[in-house]
């Protein structure tokens, strides 16, 4: 078998892995319904219906960016965290090692799934913001927000993979929620951080969700704190460091 033929087979198997992973989670109501519906419903409630009349447009634009972060966190954290933990419990990781497929296809398929879910979530939020929320942005701003959020799912995929490498399938949903919801709150995704105590505000720089939110706010013309380069560097380093830690953990699995 030539190298070209092997590469073609590897690409087809990766595409199939990603497709099956996406369909599996799409057909799992306990994952698909909250992941796709909750960000839009929360945005409609807090960003549109409950916004004060004088600041409705500003609130709608701010929360469209931050709820996009809230939305793209879920596929990575739950898709990887709960999925990997459950598959470890069932011995499926050991079975996959014995299959004649590239070892990276397992993670690659889940990454593609998370990014596809992220793309759908951001698209739904952007449509809602442009129509119901009366958010007006330039085409380049819409595209920047979309690209940032789709690739912004990667740090949370790495974190979910790490969670899945440590905990079992029964504990994984609780552990993921204990990380997901507090991080969203402490990163200013539900409301501006200046409404929280100063000590909590200073801790925001520790959370990847805060850095992604600042990039989202900058992309939509709302400034954002810190430099774009610093936020991108933090997210890249976080993704690589946490991903490698998780990979080492999984390599020691029997």
Protein backbone atom coordinates (compact mmCIF):
# COMPACT_ATOMS: atom_id res chain seq x y z
CA UNK A 1 0.00 0.00 0.00
CA UNK A 2 1.45 3.36 -1.03
CA UNK A 3 1.68 6.36 1.28
CA UNK A 4 -0.86 8.23 -0.85
CA UNK A 5 -3.37 5.39 -0.59
CA UNK A 6 -2.86 5.11 3.16
CA UNK A 7 -3.38 8.87 3.60
CA UNK A 8 -6.58 8.74 1.56
CA UNK A 9 -7.91 5.88 3.69
CA UNK A 10 -6.96 7.77 6.88
CA UNK A 11 -8.83 10.88 5.69
CA UNK A 12 -11.93 8.86 4.81
CA UNK A 13 -11.88 7.07 8.16
CA UNK A 14 -11.50 10.41 9.97
CA UNK A 15 -14.45 11.87 8.06
CA UNK A 16 -16.53 8.80 8.90
CA UNK A 17 -15.50 8.95 12.55
CA UNK A 18 -16.50 12.63 12.74
CA UNK A 19 -19.82 12.00 11.00
CA UNK A 20 -20.76 9.10 13.26
CA UNK A 21 -19.73 11.01 16.39
CA UNK A 22 -21.83 14.01 15.34
CA UNK A 23 -24.87 11.85 14.54
CA UNK A 24 -24.50 9.94 17.81
CA UNK A 25 -24.64 13.11 19.88
CA UNK A 26 -27.28 14.74 17.70
CA UNK A 27 -29.50 11.72 18.41
CA UNK A 28 -28.83 12.00 22.15
CA UNK A 29 -31.51 14.41 23.42
CA UNK A 30 -29.82 14.89 26.81
CA UNK A 31 -26.85 16.41 24.97
CA UNK A 32 -28.24 17.91 21.76
CA UNK A 33 -31.24 19.77 23.20
CA UNK A 34 -29.37 21.66 25.97
CA UNK A 35 -26.31 22.29 23.78
CA UNK A 36 -28.28 23.76 20.87
CA UNK A 37 -31.30 25.32 22.60
CA UNK A 38 -30.10 26.71 25.94
CA UNK A 39 -27.70 29.40 24.63
CA UNK A 40 -30.40 30.79 22.32
CA UNK A 41 -33.14 30.61 24.97
CA UNK A 42 -30.95 32.28 27.61
CA UNK A 43 -29.94 34.94 25.10
CA UNK A 44 -33.57 35.67 24.23
CA UNK A 45 -34.49 35.88 27.91
CA UNK A 46 -31.62 37.94 29.29
CA UNK A 47 -30.31 39.67 26.18
CA UNK A 48 -33.62 40.67 24.61
CA UNK A 49 -36.70 40.31 26.81
CA UNK A 50 -35.26 41.45 30.17
CA UNK A 51 -32.91 44.12 28.82
CA UNK A 52 -33.73 47.69 29.86
CA UNK A 53 -35.22 49.71 26.99
CA UNK A 54 -32.46 52.32 26.95
CA UNK A 55 -29.64 49.77 26.81
CA UNK A 56 -31.34 46.92 24.97
CA UNK A 57 -29.18 47.14 21.84
CA UNK A 58 -25.92 47.32 23.82
CA UNK A 59 -26.95 44.41 26.06
CA UNK A 60 -28.06 42.33 23.08
CA UNK A 61 -24.70 42.84 21.35
CA UNK A 62 -22.66 42.16 24.50
CA UNK A 63 -24.55 38.98 25.40
CA UNK A 64 -24.53 37.69 21.83
CA UNK A 65 -20.73 37.57 22.05
CA UNK A 66 -20.55 36.14 25.57
CA UNK A 67 -23.35 33.62 25.12
CA UNK A 68 -21.53 32.41 22.01
CA UNK A 69 -18.66 31.48 24.34
CA UNK A 70 -21.11 29.86 26.75
CA UNK A 71 -22.52 27.86 23.85
CA UNK A 72 -19.25 26.59 22.36
CA UNK A 73 -17.96 25.46 25.76
CA UNK A 74 -20.59 22.71 26.00
CA UNK A 75 -19.67 20.48 23.02
CA UNK A 76 -16.05 20.33 24.12
CA UNK A 77 -16.64 19.82 27.82
CA UNK A 78 -19.57 17.41 27.58
CA UNK A 79 -18.72 15.76 24.27
CA UNK A 80 -15.21 14.94 25.42
CA UNK A 81 -15.58 14.87 29.20
CA UNK A 82 -18.64 12.64 29.44
CA UNK A 83 -17.98 10.76 26.19
CA UNK A 84 -14.39 9.76 26.96
CA UNK A 85 -15.19 8.86 30.57
CA UNK A 86 -18.07 6.62 29.49
CA UNK A 87 -16.01 4.94 26.77
CA UNK A 88 -13.18 4.31 29.26
CA UNK A 89 -15.64 2.61 31.61
CA UNK A 90 -16.92 0.34 28.85
CA UNK A 91 -13.43 -0.60 27.68
CA UNK A 92 -13.97 0.97 24.26
CA UNK A 93 -10.63 2.79 24.32
CA UNK A 94 -8.78 -0.52 24.59
CA UNK A 95 -10.90 -1.90 21.73
CA UNK A 96 -10.10 1.11 19.54
CA UNK A 97 -6.37 0.57 20.02
CA UNK A 98 -6.78 -2.87 18.46
CA UNK A 99 -8.62 -1.53 15.42
CA UNK A 100 -6.71 -0.89 12.15
CA UNK A 101 -7.24 2.88 12.22
CA UNK A 102 -4.93 5.85 12.86
CA UNK A 103 -4.84 6.47 16.63
CA UNK A 104 -5.48 10.22 16.23
CA UNK A 105 -8.80 9.59 14.46
CA UNK A 106 -10.51 9.03 17.81
CA UNK A 107 -9.66 12.52 19.05
CA UNK A 108 -9.93 14.02 15.58
CA UNK A 109 -13.48 12.79 15.15
CA UNK A 110 -14.54 14.29 18.48
CA UNK A 111 -12.79 17.57 17.65
CA UNK A 112 -14.66 17.80 14.36
CA UNK A 113 -17.92 17.02 16.18
CA UNK A 114 -17.34 19.76 18.76
CA UNK A 115 -16.40 22.34 16.14
CA UNK A 116 -19.46 21.48 14.02
CA UNK A 117 -21.75 21.83 17.03
CA UNK A 118 -19.99 25.11 17.86
CA UNK A 119 -20.60 26.35 14.31
CA UNK A 120 -24.32 25.56 14.57
CA UNK A 121 -24.64 27.21 17.99
CA UNK A 122 -22.88 30.42 16.91
CA UNK A 123 -24.92 30.56 13.71
CA UNK A 124 -28.17 30.28 15.68
CA UNK A 125 -27.06 33.00 18.10
CA UNK A 126 -25.96 35.31 15.29
CA UNK A 127 -29.28 34.87 13.47
CA UNK A 128 -31.16 35.53 16.70
CA UNK A 129 -29.02 38.58 17.49
CA UNK A 130 -29.41 40.04 13.99
CA UNK A 131 -33.18 39.53 13.89
CA UNK A 132 -34.70 39.64 17.37
CA UNK A 133 -31.82 41.44 19.09
CA UNK A 134 -31.42 44.08 16.34
CA UNK A 135 -27.62 43.68 16.41
CA UNK A 136 -25.95 45.35 13.43
CA UNK A 137 -22.39 44.35 12.53
CA UNK A 138 -20.20 44.48 9.47
CA UNK A 139 -19.83 41.27 7.46
CA UNK A 140 -16.21 40.98 8.59
CA UNK A 141 -17.30 41.23 12.23
CA UNK A 142 -19.86 38.46 11.83
CA UNK A 143 -17.24 36.26 10.16
CA UNK A 144 -14.61 37.07 12.79
CA UNK A 145 -16.98 36.11 15.59
CA UNK A 146 -17.93 32.88 13.81
CA UNK A 147 -14.33 31.78 13.16
CA UNK A 148 -13.18 32.73 16.66
CA UNK A 149 -15.94 30.73 18.32
CA UNK A 150 -15.59 27.64 16.15
CA UNK A 151 -11.87 27.40 16.86
CA UNK A 152 -12.46 28.67 20.38
CA UNK A 153 -14.10 25.35 21.18
CA UNK A 154 -10.66 23.67 21.10
CA UNK A 155 -9.47 24.70 24.61
CA UNK A 156 -12.65 23.24 26.08
CA UNK A 157 -12.18 20.06 24.07
CA UNK A 158 -8.75 19.72 25.69
CA UNK A 159 -10.22 20.38 29.13
CA UNK A 160 -13.03 17.90 28.50
CA UNK A 161 -10.50 15.28 27.39
CA UNK A 162 -8.58 15.83 30.62
CA UNK A 163 -11.74 15.43 32.70
CA UNK A 164 -12.65 12.26 30.82
CA UNK A 165 -9.19 10.82 31.49
CA UNK A 166 -9.59 11.25 35.26
CA UNK A 167 -13.19 10.48 36.21
CA UNK A 168 -15.61 7.64 35.48
CA UNK A 169 -18.73 7.85 33.37
CA UNK A 170 -21.14 8.30 36.27
CA UNK A 171 -19.20 11.17 37.84
CA UNK A 172 -18.33 12.94 34.60
CA UNK A 173 -21.58 14.95 34.11
CA UNK A 174 -21.41 16.33 37.65
CA UNK A 175 -17.71 17.19 37.37
CA UNK A 176 -18.22 18.89 34.01
CA UNK A 177 -21.10 20.97 35.40
CA UNK A 178 -19.00 21.96 38.42
CA UNK A 179 -16.46 23.40 35.99
CA UNK A 180 -18.75 24.63 33.20
CA UNK A 181 -21.24 26.75 35.13
CA UNK A 182 -18.86 28.43 37.62
CA UNK A 183 -16.40 29.23 34.82
CA UNK A 184 -19.19 30.85 32.81
CA UNK A 185 -20.19 32.97 35.79
CA UNK A 186 -16.64 33.94 36.78
CA UNK A 187 -15.74 34.81 33.18
CA UNK A 188 -18.50 37.39 32.80
CA UNK A 189 -20.51 35.41 30.27
CA UNK A 190 -23.88 36.03 31.91
CA UNK A 191 -23.32 39.63 33.00
CA UNK A 192 -20.35 42.05 33.17
CA UNK A 193 -17.68 41.19 35.70
CA UNK A 194 -17.81 44.65 37.26
CA UNK A 195 -20.97 43.51 39.04
CA UNK A 196 -18.90 40.97 41.00
CA UNK A 197 -16.44 41.61 43.87
CA UNK A 198 -13.03 42.93 42.81
CA UNK A 199 -11.21 39.81 44.05
CA UNK A 200 -13.30 37.64 41.73
CA UNK A 201 -12.76 40.03 38.83
CA UNK A 202 -8.98 39.65 39.19
CA UNK A 203 -9.24 35.86 38.91
CA UNK A 204 -10.94 36.08 35.50
CA UNK A 205 -7.59 35.96 33.67
CA UNK A 206 -7.22 32.34 34.80
CA UNK A 207 -10.21 31.08 32.85
CA UNK A 208 -10.05 30.27 29.12
CA UNK A 209 -13.69 31.32 28.78
CA UNK A 210 -12.79 34.89 29.81
CA UNK A 211 -10.04 35.12 27.21
CA UNK A 212 -12.34 33.83 24.48
CA UNK A 213 -15.05 36.25 25.60
CA UNK A 214 -12.65 39.19 25.28
CA UNK A 215 -11.82 38.09 21.75
CA UNK A 216 -15.54 37.83 20.96
CA UNK A 217 -16.21 41.30 22.35
CA UNK A 218 -13.31 42.72 20.36
CA UNK A 219 -14.55 41.03 17.18
CA UNK A 220 -17.99 42.63 17.60
CA UNK A 221 -16.57 46.11 18.15
CA UNK A 222 -16.99 46.23 21.92
CA UNK A 223 -13.33 46.57 22.84
CA UNK A 224 -12.61 43.77 25.25
CA UNK A 225 -9.86 43.89 27.85
CA UNK A 226 -6.21 43.13 27.06
CA UNK A 227 -4.58 42.54 23.69
CA UNK A 228 -5.83 40.10 21.07
CA UNK A 229 -2.38 38.53 20.78
CA UNK A 230 -2.21 37.85 24.53
CA UNK A 231 -5.62 36.17 24.54
CA UNK A 232 -4.76 34.03 21.53
CA UNK A 233 -1.45 33.01 23.10
CA UNK A 234 -3.12 32.04 26.37
CA UNK A 235 -5.73 29.91 24.59
CA UNK A 236 -3.12 28.21 22.39
CA UNK A 237 -0.84 27.40 25.34
CA UNK A 238 -3.79 26.20 27.44
CA UNK A 239 -5.02 23.92 24.64
CA UNK A 240 -1.62 22.35 24.00
CA UNK A 241 -0.65 21.96 27.67
CA UNK A 242 -3.97 20.50 28.84
CA UNK A 243 -4.30 18.35 25.70
CA UNK A 244 -0.83 16.83 26.19
CA UNK A 245 -1.58 16.17 29.87
CA UNK A 246 -4.79 14.38 28.90
CA UNK A 247 -3.01 12.39 26.17
CA UNK A 248 -0.37 11.16 28.62
CA UNK A 249 -3.12 10.10 31.01
CA UNK A 250 -4.96 8.14 28.32
CA UNK A 251 -1.77 6.48 27.05
CA UNK A 252 -1.39 4.85 30.47
CA UNK A 253 -4.84 3.30 30.22
CA UNK A 254 -4.66 -0.53 30.15
